Amino acid sequence: MKVVVIGTGVMGRNHIRVLREIPEVQVVAVVDRDLARAEEAGKPYGIRACSDAVQAFREHRPDAAIIAVPTERHHQVAMSAIEHGVHVLVEKPIASTVQQGEELVEAARRNRVVLSVGHVERFNPAVIELKRRMDAGELGRIFMIHSRRLSPYPRRIMDVGVAADLASHELDMMHYLTGSRGEIVGAAVSQVLHPTHEDIVFGVLRFASGVLGILDVNWVT
């Protein structure tokens, strides 16, 4: 399978490294608007670099693209890949707004390509085992899930707040574990360190299954 990696920040370089360890995958191009960064990321592996995603789609005709650009560019880049018939793995969150996310889902359906979001915790063996035990009834009846994720302040993330960056993991795991959708009953946010977005979120959710959820994420602990 031929893959292009778009975006050469921390996550993009992690994807390049991991893909190179999969025998069935050939990374045919690394893309970044800063060509020097793309060349730096691709050079250790002998991967061609370019600064234009559309050029990479047309020249290399990849089967799939991994999109690890800033969130504000997810919609534009992912939509371009989809319209070129390329399967997409986009880093979470899927897009900057719900509308943009829904547009990507509809475009993927229309073009018959796979659109996947990088919710890596869904593939965490501990989470998978917890889900198995819950479904098997080994843990009894679940009344409440308290999900906490704490992180040092990430100076590299400037275009979204902690809700999109960390709470997206927790919400996805809660939906997965309960097998039902949840509604946020109430939430409080605070901005302590980040110059433009929230960096503390506390939320209370109620799921269709009747389970209550407590969401506790921040970048300042």
N, C-alpha and C. Protein backbone atom coordinates (compact mmCIF):
# COMPACT_ATOMS: atom_id res chain seq x y z
N MET A 1 0.83 -1.18 0.00
CA MET A 1 0.00 0.00 0.00
C MET A 1 0.88 1.25 0.00
N LYS A 2 0.57 2.17 -0.90
CA LYS A 2 1.33 3.42 -1.00
C LYS A 2 0.65 4.50 -0.15
N VAL A 3 1.46 5.16 0.68
CA VAL A 3 0.94 6.16 1.61
C VAL A 3 1.74 7.44 1.51
N VAL A 4 1.04 8.58 1.62
CA VAL A 4 1.73 9.86 1.78
C VAL A 4 1.40 10.38 3.18
N VAL A 5 2.38 11.03 3.80
CA VAL A 5 2.19 11.65 5.11
C VAL A 5 2.23 13.16 4.91
N ILE A 6 1.17 13.82 5.34
CA ILE A 6 1.05 15.26 5.14
C ILE A 6 1.13 15.95 6.50
N GLY A 7 2.19 16.73 6.68
CA GLY A 7 2.44 17.39 7.96
C GLY A 7 3.62 16.71 8.65
N THR A 8 4.65 17.49 8.97
CA THR A 8 5.87 16.89 9.53
C THR A 8 6.19 17.45 10.91
N GLY A 9 5.13 17.70 11.69
CA GLY A 9 5.34 18.06 13.10
C GLY A 9 5.61 16.80 13.90
N VAL A 10 5.36 16.87 15.20
CA VAL A 10 5.64 15.73 16.09
C VAL A 10 4.86 14.50 15.64
N MET A 11 3.55 14.64 15.42
CA MET A 11 2.75 13.47 15.07
C MET A 11 3.06 12.97 13.66
N GLY A 12 3.30 13.87 12.73
CA GLY A 12 3.63 13.45 11.38
C GLY A 12 4.89 12.60 11.35
N ARG A 13 5.90 13.02 12.11
CA ARG A 13 7.15 12.25 12.15
C ARG A 13 6.97 10.91 12.84
N ASN A 14 6.09 10.86 13.84
CA ASN A 14 5.78 9.58 14.46
C ASN A 14 5.14 8.63 13.45
N HIS A 15 4.24 9.15 12.65
CA HIS A 15 3.59 8.32 11.63
C HIS A 15 4.61 7.79 10.62
N ILE A 16 5.51 8.67 10.18
CA ILE A 16 6.54 8.24 9.22
C ILE A 16 7.35 7.09 9.81
N ARG A 17 7.79 7.26 11.05
CA ARG A 17 8.61 6.24 11.71
C ARG A 17 7.88 4.90 11.80
N VAL A 18 6.62 4.93 12.23
CA VAL A 18 5.86 3.70 12.40
C VAL A 18 5.55 3.05 11.05
N LEU A 19 5.17 3.85 10.06
CA LEU A 19 4.86 3.30 8.74
C LEU A 19 6.06 2.58 8.14
N ARG A 20 7.24 3.11 8.40
CA ARG A 20 8.46 2.50 7.84
C ARG A 20 8.71 1.11 8.43
N GLU A 21 8.07 0.82 9.56
CA GLU A 21 8.26 -0.49 10.20
C GLU A 21 7.23 -1.52 9.73
N ILE A 22 6.31 -1.10 8.86
CA ILE A 22 5.27 -2.02 8.37
C ILE A 22 5.65 -2.48 6.96
N PRO A 23 5.96 -3.76 6.79
CA PRO A 23 6.46 -4.24 5.49
C PRO A 23 5.50 -3.99 4.34
N GLU A 24 4.21 -4.02 4.60
CA GLU A 24 3.23 -3.89 3.51
C GLU A 24 3.02 -2.45 3.06
N VAL A 25 3.66 -1.50 3.73
CA VAL A 25 3.44 -0.08 3.45
C VAL A 25 4.68 0.54 2.82
N GLN A 26 4.45 1.35 1.79
CA GLN A 26 5.51 2.14 1.18
C GLN A 26 5.14 3.61 1.30
N VAL A 27 5.95 4.37 2.05
CA VAL A 27 5.72 5.81 2.15
C VAL A 27 6.33 6.46 0.92
N VAL A 28 5.48 6.95 0.01
CA VAL A 28 5.96 7.44 -1.28
C VAL A 28 6.28 8.92 -1.27
N ALA A 29 5.76 9.66 -0.27
CA ALA A 29 6.06 11.09 -0.22
C ALA A 29 5.74 11.64 1.16
N VAL A 30 6.52 12.65 1.53
CA VAL A 30 6.27 13.42 2.75
C VAL A 30 5.96 14.84 2.32
N VAL A 31 4.87 15.40 2.85
CA VAL A 31 4.41 16.71 2.39
C VAL A 31 4.36 17.69 3.55
N ASP A 32 4.87 18.88 3.30
CA ASP A 32 4.75 19.97 4.27
C ASP A 32 4.86 21.28 3.49
N ARG A 33 4.08 22.28 3.91
CA ARG A 33 4.16 23.57 3.22
C ARG A 33 5.55 24.16 3.30
N ASP A 34 6.27 23.80 4.36
CA ASP A 34 7.68 24.19 4.51
C ASP A 34 8.51 23.05 3.92
N LEU A 35 8.97 23.23 2.69
CA LEU A 35 9.67 22.16 1.98
C LEU A 35 10.90 21.69 2.73
N ALA A 36 11.60 22.60 3.37
CA ALA A 36 12.80 22.23 4.13
C ALA A 36 12.45 21.25 5.24
N ARG A 37 11.32 21.48 5.91
CA ARG A 37 10.88 20.56 6.98
C ARG A 37 10.53 19.20 6.41
N ALA A 38 9.88 19.20 5.24
CA ALA A 38 9.52 17.94 4.61
C ALA A 38 10.77 17.15 4.22
N GLU A 39 11.75 17.85 3.67
CA GLU A 39 13.00 17.20 3.28
C GLU A 39 13.73 16.65 4.49
N GLU A 40 13.73 17.41 5.57
CA GLU A 40 14.39 16.96 6.80
C GLU A 40 13.73 15.70 7.36
N ALA A 41 12.39 15.65 7.30
CA ALA A 41 11.67 14.49 7.83
C ALA A 41 11.83 13.26 6.94
N GLY A 42 11.90 13.46 5.62
CA GLY A 42 11.97 12.33 4.72
C GLY A 42 13.37 11.81 4.44
N LYS A 43 14.36 12.67 4.59
CA LYS A 43 15.73 12.30 4.21
C LYS A 43 16.26 11.06 4.91
N PRO A 44 16.08 10.89 6.23
CA PRO A 44 16.63 9.69 6.89
C PRO A 44 16.10 8.38 6.33
N TYR A 45 14.94 8.44 5.68
CA TYR A 45 14.31 7.22 5.16
C TYR A 45 14.34 7.15 3.63
N GLY A 46 14.94 8.15 3.02
CA GLY A 46 15.00 8.17 1.56
C GLY A 46 13.65 8.41 0.92
N ILE A 47 12.79 9.18 1.59
CA ILE A 47 11.44 9.45 1.08
C ILE A 47 11.42 10.81 0.38
N ARG A 48 10.78 10.86 -0.76
CA ARG A 48 10.68 12.12 -1.50
C ARG A 48 9.85 13.13 -0.74
N ALA A 49 10.22 14.40 -0.85
CA ALA A 49 9.52 15.48 -0.16
C ALA A 49 8.91 16.44 -1.16
N CYS A 50 7.76 17.02 -0.79
CA CYS A 50 7.18 18.08 -1.60
C CYS A 50 6.38 19.00 -0.70
N SER A 51 5.98 20.14 -1.24
CA SER A 51 5.28 21.14 -0.44
C SER A 51 3.81 21.27 -0.80
N ASP A 52 3.32 20.44 -1.70
CA ASP A 52 1.95 20.56 -2.18
C ASP A 52 1.28 19.19 -2.15
N ALA A 53 0.20 19.06 -1.37
CA ALA A 53 -0.48 17.78 -1.24
C ALA A 53 -1.10 17.33 -2.56
N VAL A 54 -1.71 18.24 -3.29
CA VAL A 54 -2.34 17.89 -4.57
C VAL A 54 -1.30 17.33 -5.53
N GLN A 55 -0.12 17.94 -5.54
CA GLN A 55 0.97 17.44 -6.38
C GLN A 55 1.32 16.00 -6.00
N ALA A 56 1.37 15.74 -4.70
CA ALA A 56 1.70 14.38 -4.23
C ALA A 56 0.62 13.39 -4.66
N PHE A 57 -0.65 13.78 -4.58
CA PHE A 57 -1.74 12.88 -4.99
C PHE A 57 -1.63 12.56 -6.47
N ARG A 58 -1.34 13.57 -7.28
CA ARG A 58 -1.33 13.38 -8.74
C ARG A 58 -0.08 12.63 -9.21
N GLU A 59 1.07 12.93 -8.58
CA GLU A 59 2.32 12.31 -9.04
C GLU A 59 2.49 10.88 -8.52
N HIS A 60 2.09 10.65 -7.28
CA HIS A 60 2.39 9.36 -6.64
C HIS A 60 1.19 8.43 -6.57
N ARG A 61 -0.02 8.96 -6.80
CA ARG A 61 -1.24 8.16 -6.78
C ARG A 61 -1.28 7.21 -5.57
N PRO A 62 -1.23 7.76 -4.37
CA PRO A 62 -1.20 6.91 -3.17
C PRO A 62 -2.55 6.24 -2.93
N ASP A 63 -2.51 5.14 -2.20
CA ASP A 63 -3.74 4.49 -1.77
C ASP A 63 -4.35 5.23 -0.58
N ALA A 64 -3.48 5.78 0.27
CA ALA A 64 -3.96 6.42 1.50
C ALA A 64 -3.07 7.60 1.86
N ALA A 65 -3.66 8.49 2.66
CA ALA A 65 -2.91 9.64 3.17
C ALA A 65 -3.13 9.76 4.66
N ILE A 66 -2.07 10.06 5.38
CA ILE A 66 -2.18 10.38 6.80
C ILE A 66 -2.01 11.88 6.93
N ILE A 67 -2.99 12.52 7.55
CA ILE A 67 -3.01 13.98 7.64
C ILE A 67 -2.74 14.41 9.07
N ALA A 68 -1.59 15.06 9.26
CA ALA A 68 -1.15 15.48 10.59
C ALA A 68 -0.79 16.96 10.58
N VAL A 69 -1.60 17.74 9.88
CA VAL A 69 -1.40 19.19 9.84
C VAL A 69 -2.18 19.82 10.99
N PRO A 70 -2.00 21.12 11.27
CA PRO A 70 -2.81 21.77 12.31
C PRO A 70 -4.31 21.59 12.05
N THR A 71 -5.08 21.52 13.12
CA THR A 71 -6.51 21.23 13.02
C THR A 71 -7.24 22.16 12.06
N GLU A 72 -6.88 23.42 12.03
CA GLU A 72 -7.57 24.37 11.18
C GLU A 72 -7.43 24.05 9.70
N ARG A 73 -6.48 23.17 9.33
CA ARG A 73 -6.29 22.78 7.93
C ARG A 73 -6.80 21.37 7.63
N HIS A 74 -7.33 20.66 8.64
CA HIS A 74 -7.80 19.29 8.44
C HIS A 74 -8.84 19.22 7.32
N HIS A 75 -9.81 20.10 7.36
CA HIS A 75 -10.91 20.04 6.40
C HIS A 75 -10.40 20.21 4.97
N GLN A 76 -9.59 21.21 4.74
CA GLN A 76 -9.08 21.49 3.40
C GLN A 76 -8.26 20.34 2.86
N VAL A 77 -7.31 19.86 3.65
CA VAL A 77 -6.39 18.82 3.17
C VAL A 77 -7.11 17.48 3.03
N ALA A 78 -7.93 17.13 4.02
CA ALA A 78 -8.65 15.85 3.95
C ALA A 78 -9.63 15.85 2.79
N MET A 79 -10.30 16.96 2.56
CA MET A 79 -11.26 17.04 1.45
C MET A 79 -10.54 16.85 0.11
N SER A 80 -9.35 17.42 -0.02
CA SER A 80 -8.58 17.27 -1.25
C SER A 80 -8.23 15.80 -1.48
N ALA A 81 -7.79 15.13 -0.42
CA ALA A 81 -7.43 13.71 -0.54
C ALA A 81 -8.65 12.89 -0.95
N ILE A 82 -9.77 13.13 -0.29
CA ILE A 82 -11.00 12.38 -0.58
C ILE A 82 -11.42 12.57 -2.03
N GLU A 83 -11.36 13.81 -2.50
CA GLU A 83 -11.78 14.10 -3.87
C GLU A 83 -10.85 13.49 -4.90
N HIS A 84 -9.62 13.14 -4.48
CA HIS A 84 -8.69 12.44 -5.37
C HIS A 84 -8.81 10.92 -5.22
N GLY A 85 -9.82 10.47 -4.46
CA GLY A 85 -10.04 9.03 -4.30
C GLY A 85 -9.06 8.37 -3.37
N VAL A 86 -8.46 9.14 -2.45
CA VAL A 86 -7.45 8.62 -1.53
C VAL A 86 -8.08 8.37 -0.16
N HIS A 87 -7.86 7.18 0.39
CA HIS A 87 -8.33 6.89 1.74
C HIS A 87 -7.59 7.77 2.73
N VAL A 88 -8.25 8.14 3.85
CA VAL A 88 -7.69 9.15 4.75
C VAL A 88 -7.69 8.69 6.20
N LEU A 89 -6.56 8.87 6.86
CA LEU A 89 -6.47 8.84 8.32
C LEU A 89 -6.10 10.24 8.75
N VAL A 90 -7.02 10.93 9.43
CA VAL A 90 -6.76 12.29 9.85
C VAL A 90 -6.60 12.31 11.37
N GLU A 91 -5.62 13.06 11.84
CA GLU A 91 -5.43 13.18 13.28
C GLU A 91 -6.67 13.79 13.91
N LYS A 92 -6.92 13.44 15.16
CA LYS A 92 -8.05 14.06 15.85
C LYS A 92 -7.65 15.47 16.29
N PRO A 93 -8.65 16.37 16.42
CA PRO A 93 -10.05 16.18 16.10
C PRO A 93 -10.25 16.20 14.58
N ILE A 94 -11.34 15.62 14.11
CA ILE A 94 -11.55 15.47 12.68
C ILE A 94 -11.48 16.80 11.94
N ALA A 95 -11.98 17.87 12.56
CA ALA A 95 -11.96 19.19 11.92
C ALA A 95 -12.20 20.26 12.98
N SER A 96 -12.20 21.51 12.56
CA SER A 96 -12.36 22.62 13.50
C SER A 96 -13.79 22.80 13.96
N THR A 97 -14.76 22.39 13.13
CA THR A 97 -16.17 22.56 13.48
C THR A 97 -16.95 21.28 13.16
N VAL A 98 -18.12 21.16 13.78
CA VAL A 98 -18.99 20.02 13.51
C VAL A 98 -19.38 20.00 12.03
N GLN A 99 -19.71 21.16 11.48
CA GLN A 99 -20.12 21.22 10.07
C GLN A 99 -19.01 20.71 9.16
N GLN A 100 -17.78 21.12 9.41
CA GLN A 100 -16.67 20.65 8.59
C GLN A 100 -16.50 19.14 8.71
N GLY A 101 -16.65 18.62 9.92
CA GLY A 101 -16.54 17.18 10.12
C GLY A 101 -17.62 16.43 9.35
N GLU A 102 -18.84 16.93 9.39
CA GLU A 102 -19.94 16.29 8.67
C GLU A 102 -19.73 16.35 7.16
N GLU A 103 -19.15 17.45 6.69
CA GLU A 103 -18.86 17.57 5.25
C GLU A 103 -17.83 16.52 4.83
N LEU A 104 -16.83 16.26 5.66
CA LEU A 104 -15.83 15.24 5.34
C LEU A 104 -16.46 13.85 5.31
N VAL A 105 -17.31 13.57 6.28
CA VAL A 105 -17.97 12.26 6.32
C VAL A 105 -18.82 12.05 5.06
N GLU A 106 -19.57 13.06 4.67
CA GLU A 106 -20.41 12.95 3.49
C GLU A 106 -19.58 12.81 2.22
N ALA A 107 -18.47 13.56 2.14
CA ALA A 107 -17.60 13.47 0.97
C ALA A 107 -16.98 12.09 0.85
N ALA A 108 -16.57 11.52 1.99
CA ALA A 108 -15.98 10.18 1.98
C ALA A 108 -17.01 9.15 1.52
N ARG A 109 -18.24 9.30 1.99
CA ARG A 109 -19.31 8.38 1.59
C ARG A 109 -19.58 8.51 0.09
N ARG A 110 -19.60 9.75 -0.38
CA ARG A 110 -19.90 10.00 -1.80
C ARG A 110 -18.80 9.46 -2.71
N ASN A 111 -17.56 9.59 -2.26
CA ASN A 111 -16.41 9.14 -3.08
C ASN A 111 -15.98 7.71 -2.77
N ARG A 112 -16.68 7.07 -1.85
CA ARG A 112 -16.44 5.67 -1.50
C ARG A 112 -14.99 5.43 -1.06
N VAL A 113 -14.53 6.28 -0.16
CA VAL A 113 -13.22 6.08 0.43
C VAL A 113 -13.37 5.97 1.94
N VAL A 114 -12.37 5.38 2.56
CA VAL A 114 -12.36 5.25 4.02
C VAL A 114 -11.87 6.55 4.64
N LEU A 115 -12.62 7.04 5.62
CA LEU A 115 -12.21 8.21 6.40
C LEU A 115 -12.13 7.77 7.85
N SER A 116 -10.92 7.78 8.41
CA SER A 116 -10.72 7.35 9.78
C SER A 116 -10.07 8.48 10.57
N VAL A 117 -10.38 8.55 11.86
CA VAL A 117 -9.83 9.59 12.72
C VAL A 117 -8.90 8.95 13.74
N GLY A 118 -7.78 9.61 14.02
CA GLY A 118 -6.75 9.01 14.86
C GLY A 118 -7.05 8.97 16.34
N HIS A 119 -8.16 8.31 16.70
CA HIS A 119 -8.47 8.11 18.12
C HIS A 119 -7.69 6.88 18.60
N VAL A 120 -6.42 7.07 18.91
CA VAL A 120 -5.54 5.93 19.19
C VAL A 120 -5.95 5.15 20.43
N GLU A 121 -6.63 5.79 21.38
CA GLU A 121 -7.01 5.07 22.59
C GLU A 121 -8.02 3.97 22.31
N ARG A 122 -8.74 4.09 21.20
CA ARG A 122 -9.69 3.04 20.83
C ARG A 122 -8.96 1.71 20.61
N PHE A 123 -7.66 1.79 20.31
CA PHE A 123 -6.86 0.59 20.03
C PHE A 123 -5.90 0.26 21.17
N ASN A 124 -6.08 0.94 22.30
CA ASN A 124 -5.28 0.65 23.49
C ASN A 124 -5.72 -0.70 24.05
N PRO A 125 -4.80 -1.67 24.20
CA PRO A 125 -5.20 -3.00 24.69
C PRO A 125 -5.94 -2.97 26.01
N ALA A 126 -5.58 -2.02 26.90
CA ALA A 126 -6.27 -1.93 28.20
C ALA A 126 -7.73 -1.51 28.00
N VAL A 127 -7.96 -0.57 27.09
CA VAL A 127 -9.33 -0.11 26.83
C VAL A 127 -10.14 -1.22 26.16
N ILE A 128 -9.52 -1.94 25.23
CA ILE A 128 -10.21 -3.05 24.55
C ILE A 128 -10.61 -4.13 25.56
N GLU A 129 -9.71 -4.44 26.49
CA GLU A 129 -10.01 -5.45 27.51
C GLU A 129 -11.11 -4.97 28.46
N LEU A 130 -11.08 -3.69 28.82
CA LEU A 130 -12.12 -3.13 29.67
C LEU A 130 -13.48 -3.25 28.98
N LYS A 131 -13.52 -2.93 27.68
CA LYS A 131 -14.76 -3.04 26.91
C LYS A 131 -15.25 -4.49 26.90
N ARG A 132 -14.34 -5.44 26.73
CA ARG A 132 -14.72 -6.86 26.70
C ARG A 132 -15.37 -7.26 28.02
N ARG A 133 -14.74 -6.83 29.12
CA ARG A 133 -15.26 -7.22 30.44
C ARG A 133 -16.60 -6.56 30.73
N MET A 134 -16.75 -5.31 30.29
CA MET A 134 -18.03 -4.64 30.49
C MET A 134 -19.12 -5.34 29.71
N ASP A 135 -18.85 -5.66 28.44
CA ASP A 135 -19.86 -6.32 27.60
C ASP A 135 -20.20 -7.72 28.11
N ALA A 136 -19.22 -8.37 28.74
CA ALA A 136 -19.44 -9.72 29.27
C ALA A 136 -20.16 -9.71 30.61
N GLY A 137 -20.38 -8.52 31.16
CA GLY A 137 -21.06 -8.42 32.45
C GLY A 137 -20.17 -8.73 33.63
N GLU A 138 -18.86 -8.82 33.42
CA GLU A 138 -17.94 -9.18 34.50
C GLU A 138 -17.79 -8.07 35.54
N LEU A 139 -18.15 -6.84 35.17
CA LEU A 139 -17.98 -5.72 36.09
C LEU A 139 -19.30 -5.28 36.69
N GLY A 140 -20.35 -6.04 36.46
CA GLY A 140 -21.65 -5.66 36.98
C GLY A 140 -22.25 -4.51 36.20
N ARG A 141 -23.22 -3.85 36.80
CA ARG A 141 -23.88 -2.73 36.15
C ARG A 141 -23.04 -1.46 36.31
N ILE A 142 -22.83 -0.74 35.21
CA ILE A 142 -22.04 0.49 35.23
C ILE A 142 -22.99 1.68 35.41
N PHE A 143 -22.75 2.45 36.46
CA PHE A 143 -23.57 3.63 36.72
C PHE A 143 -22.89 4.92 36.27
N MET A 144 -21.56 4.95 36.35
CA MET A 144 -20.84 6.19 36.10
C MET A 144 -19.45 5.89 35.56
N ILE A 145 -18.97 6.74 34.65
CA ILE A 145 -17.59 6.68 34.18
C ILE A 145 -16.95 8.03 34.45
N HIS A 146 -15.83 8.00 35.16
CA HIS A 146 -15.07 9.23 35.42
C HIS A 146 -13.78 9.12 34.60
N SER A 147 -13.63 10.01 33.64
CA SER A 147 -12.49 9.96 32.74
C SER A 147 -11.61 11.19 32.94
N ARG A 148 -10.37 10.94 33.28
CA ARG A 148 -9.44 12.04 33.57
C ARG A 148 -8.21 11.92 32.69
N ARG A 149 -7.81 13.03 32.07
CA ARG A 149 -6.58 13.06 31.26
C ARG A 149 -5.88 14.39 31.53
N LEU A 150 -4.67 14.29 32.02
CA LEU A 150 -3.91 15.47 32.40
C LEU A 150 -2.61 15.52 31.60
N SER A 151 -2.16 16.71 31.29
CA SER A 151 -0.98 16.85 30.44
C SER A 151 -0.24 18.13 30.78
N PRO A 152 1.08 18.13 30.62
CA PRO A 152 1.81 19.40 30.71
C PRO A 152 1.35 20.32 29.59
N TYR A 153 1.59 21.59 29.74
CA TYR A 153 1.18 22.57 28.73
C TYR A 153 1.95 22.35 27.44
N PRO A 154 1.25 22.10 26.31
CA PRO A 154 1.92 21.82 25.03
C PRO A 154 2.10 23.11 24.21
N ARG A 155 3.27 23.66 24.22
CA ARG A 155 3.50 24.93 23.54
C ARG A 155 3.32 24.84 22.03
N ARG A 156 3.35 23.62 21.46
CA ARG A 156 3.24 23.47 20.01
C ARG A 156 1.79 23.57 19.53
N ILE A 157 0.80 23.43 20.42
CA ILE A 157 -0.60 23.43 20.00
C ILE A 157 -1.20 24.81 20.25
N MET A 158 -1.47 25.53 19.16
CA MET A 158 -1.96 26.90 19.28
C MET A 158 -3.33 27.11 18.64
N ASP A 159 -3.78 26.17 17.80
CA ASP A 159 -5.02 26.42 17.04
C ASP A 159 -6.27 25.83 17.67
N VAL A 160 -6.13 24.99 18.70
CA VAL A 160 -7.29 24.45 19.41
C VAL A 160 -6.98 24.44 20.90
N GLY A 161 -8.03 24.26 21.70
CA GLY A 161 -7.86 24.16 23.13
C GLY A 161 -7.85 22.72 23.61
N VAL A 162 -7.84 22.56 24.92
CA VAL A 162 -7.73 21.23 25.51
C VAL A 162 -8.98 20.39 25.24
N ALA A 163 -10.13 21.03 25.00
CA ALA A 163 -11.34 20.26 24.71
C ALA A 163 -11.17 19.44 23.43
N ALA A 164 -10.66 20.07 22.39
CA ALA A 164 -10.46 19.37 21.12
C ALA A 164 -9.27 18.43 21.18
N ASP A 165 -8.22 18.85 21.90
CA ASP A 165 -6.98 18.05 21.89
C ASP A 165 -7.06 16.82 22.79
N LEU A 166 -7.55 16.97 24.01
CA LEU A 166 -7.57 15.85 24.94
C LEU A 166 -8.96 15.28 25.18
N ALA A 167 -9.96 16.16 25.35
CA ALA A 167 -11.30 15.67 25.65
C ALA A 167 -11.86 14.82 24.52
N SER A 168 -11.37 15.02 23.30
CA SER A 168 -11.83 14.20 22.18
C SER A 168 -11.50 12.73 22.42
N HIS A 169 -10.34 12.45 23.04
CA HIS A 169 -9.99 11.07 23.40
C HIS A 169 -11.00 10.52 24.41
N GLU A 170 -11.25 11.30 25.45
CA GLU A 170 -12.10 10.82 26.54
C GLU A 170 -13.54 10.59 26.08
N LEU A 171 -14.06 11.52 25.29
CA LEU A 171 -15.43 11.37 24.79
C LEU A 171 -15.55 10.15 23.89
N ASP A 172 -14.54 9.93 23.05
CA ASP A 172 -14.58 8.77 22.16
C ASP A 172 -14.56 7.48 22.97
N MET A 173 -13.72 7.42 24.00
CA MET A 173 -13.66 6.21 24.82
C MET A 173 -14.96 5.98 25.59
N MET A 174 -15.56 7.07 26.10
CA MET A 174 -16.84 6.93 26.81
C MET A 174 -17.92 6.39 25.88
N HIS A 175 -17.99 6.91 24.67
CA HIS A 175 -18.97 6.41 23.70
C HIS A 175 -18.72 4.94 23.38
N TYR A 176 -17.46 4.60 23.21
CA TYR A 176 -17.08 3.22 22.88
C TYR A 176 -17.44 2.26 24.02
N LEU A 177 -17.11 2.65 25.24
CA LEU A 177 -17.32 1.76 26.39
C LEU A 177 -18.80 1.60 26.73
N THR A 178 -19.56 2.67 26.62
CA THR A 178 -20.99 2.58 26.97
C THR A 178 -21.83 2.05 25.81
N GLY A 179 -21.29 2.15 24.58
CA GLY A 179 -22.06 1.72 23.42
C GLY A 179 -23.23 2.63 23.14
N SER A 180 -23.17 3.87 23.62
CA SER A 180 -24.28 4.80 23.39
C SER A 180 -23.75 6.22 23.30
N ARG A 181 -24.55 7.09 22.72
CA ARG A 181 -24.15 8.48 22.57
C ARG A 181 -24.46 9.24 23.85
N GLY A 182 -23.66 10.28 24.09
CA GLY A 182 -23.86 11.08 25.28
C GLY A 182 -24.15 12.53 24.97
N GLU A 183 -24.82 13.17 25.88
CA GLU A 183 -25.06 14.60 25.78
C GLU A 183 -24.40 15.29 26.95
N ILE A 184 -23.75 16.43 26.67
CA ILE A 184 -23.13 17.19 27.74
C ILE A 184 -24.22 17.94 28.49
N VAL A 185 -24.38 17.61 29.77
CA VAL A 185 -25.39 18.25 30.60
C VAL A 185 -24.90 19.61 31.07
N GLY A 186 -23.61 19.68 31.38
CA GLY A 186 -23.03 20.94 31.82
C GLY A 186 -21.53 20.88 31.75
N ALA A 187 -20.90 22.04 31.60
CA ALA A 187 -19.44 22.08 31.50
C ALA A 187 -18.93 23.42 31.99
N ALA A 188 -17.71 23.41 32.49
CA ALA A 188 -17.03 24.64 32.88
C ALA A 188 -15.62 24.59 32.33
N VAL A 189 -15.15 25.71 31.82
CA VAL A 189 -13.80 25.78 31.26
C VAL A 189 -13.05 26.95 31.88
N SER A 190 -11.72 26.86 31.79
CA SER A 190 -10.89 27.94 32.31
C SER A 190 -9.68 28.10 31.40
N GLN A 191 -9.17 29.31 31.34
CA GLN A 191 -8.00 29.63 30.52
C GLN A 191 -6.93 30.19 31.44
N VAL A 192 -5.93 29.36 31.73
CA VAL A 192 -4.90 29.71 32.70
C VAL A 192 -3.58 30.07 32.03
N LEU A 193 -3.14 29.21 31.11
CA LEU A 193 -1.84 29.40 30.47
C LEU A 193 -1.93 29.70 28.98
N HIS A 194 -2.90 29.09 28.32
CA HIS A 194 -2.98 29.23 26.86
C HIS A 194 -3.44 30.64 26.49
N PRO A 195 -2.80 31.25 25.49
CA PRO A 195 -3.14 32.64 25.15
C PRO A 195 -4.49 32.83 24.47
N THR A 196 -5.02 31.79 23.81
CA THR A 196 -6.25 31.99 23.02
C THR A 196 -7.34 30.96 23.27
N HIS A 197 -7.05 29.83 23.90
CA HIS A 197 -8.05 28.77 24.07
C HIS A 197 -8.09 28.27 25.51
N GLU A 198 -9.15 27.52 25.82
CA GLU A 198 -9.29 26.94 27.15
C GLU A 198 -8.22 25.89 27.40
N ASP A 199 -7.76 25.78 28.65
CA ASP A 199 -6.80 24.72 28.98
C ASP A 199 -7.25 23.86 30.16
N ILE A 200 -8.45 24.11 30.69
CA ILE A 200 -9.07 23.25 31.71
C ILE A 200 -10.53 23.05 31.31
N VAL A 201 -10.99 21.80 31.37
CA VAL A 201 -12.40 21.50 31.09
C VAL A 201 -12.91 20.50 32.12
N PHE A 202 -14.04 20.82 32.74
CA PHE A 202 -14.79 19.88 33.55
C PHE A 202 -16.17 19.75 32.93
N GLY A 203 -16.62 18.51 32.70
CA GLY A 203 -17.92 18.32 32.10
C GLY A 203 -18.68 17.17 32.73
N VAL A 204 -20.00 17.25 32.66
CA VAL A 204 -20.88 16.18 33.11
C VAL A 204 -21.73 15.75 31.92
N LEU A 205 -21.80 14.45 31.67
CA LEU A 205 -22.54 13.92 30.53
C LEU A 205 -23.58 12.91 30.99
N ARG A 206 -24.62 12.76 30.19
CA ARG A 206 -25.58 11.70 30.39
C ARG A 206 -25.70 10.92 29.08
N PHE A 207 -25.52 9.59 29.18
CA PHE A 207 -25.56 8.75 28.00
C PHE A 207 -26.93 8.12 27.82
N ALA A 208 -27.25 7.76 26.59
CA ALA A 208 -28.55 7.16 26.28
C ALA A 208 -28.79 5.90 27.09
N SER A 209 -27.71 5.23 27.49
CA SER A 209 -27.82 4.00 28.29
C SER A 209 -28.14 4.28 29.74
N GLY A 210 -28.13 5.56 30.13
CA GLY A 210 -28.38 5.92 31.52
C GLY A 210 -27.13 6.16 32.34
N VAL A 211 -25.97 5.81 31.79
CA VAL A 211 -24.70 6.02 32.48
C VAL A 211 -24.38 7.52 32.53
N LEU A 212 -23.87 7.95 33.68
CA LEU A 212 -23.39 9.32 33.82
C LEU A 212 -21.88 9.36 33.55
N GLY A 213 -21.40 10.45 32.98
CA GLY A 213 -19.97 10.59 32.72
C GLY A 213 -19.44 11.87 33.33
N ILE A 214 -18.25 11.78 33.88
CA ILE A 214 -17.55 12.95 34.38
C ILE A 214 -16.27 13.10 33.58
N LEU A 215 -16.11 14.25 32.96
CA LEU A 215 -14.97 14.53 32.09
C LEU A 215 -14.06 15.52 32.80
N ASP A 216 -12.78 15.19 32.90
CA ASP A 216 -11.84 16.01 33.65
C ASP A 216 -10.52 16.04 32.87
N VAL A 217 -10.29 17.12 32.11
CA VAL A 217 -9.06 17.21 31.33
C VAL A 217 -8.43 18.59 31.49
N ASN A 218 -7.10 18.61 31.47
CA ASN A 218 -6.44 19.92 31.49
C ASN A 218 -4.99 19.83 31.04
N TRP A 219 -4.45 20.99 30.70
CA TRP A 219 -3.06 21.13 30.28
C TRP A 219 -2.19 21.77 31.37
N VAL A 220 -2.70 21.92 32.58
CA VAL A 220 -1.97 22.74 33.56
C VAL A 220 -1.56 21.99 34.82
N THR A 221 -1.99 20.74 34.98
CA THR A 221 -1.64 20.01 36.20
C THR A 221 -0.13 19.86 36.35
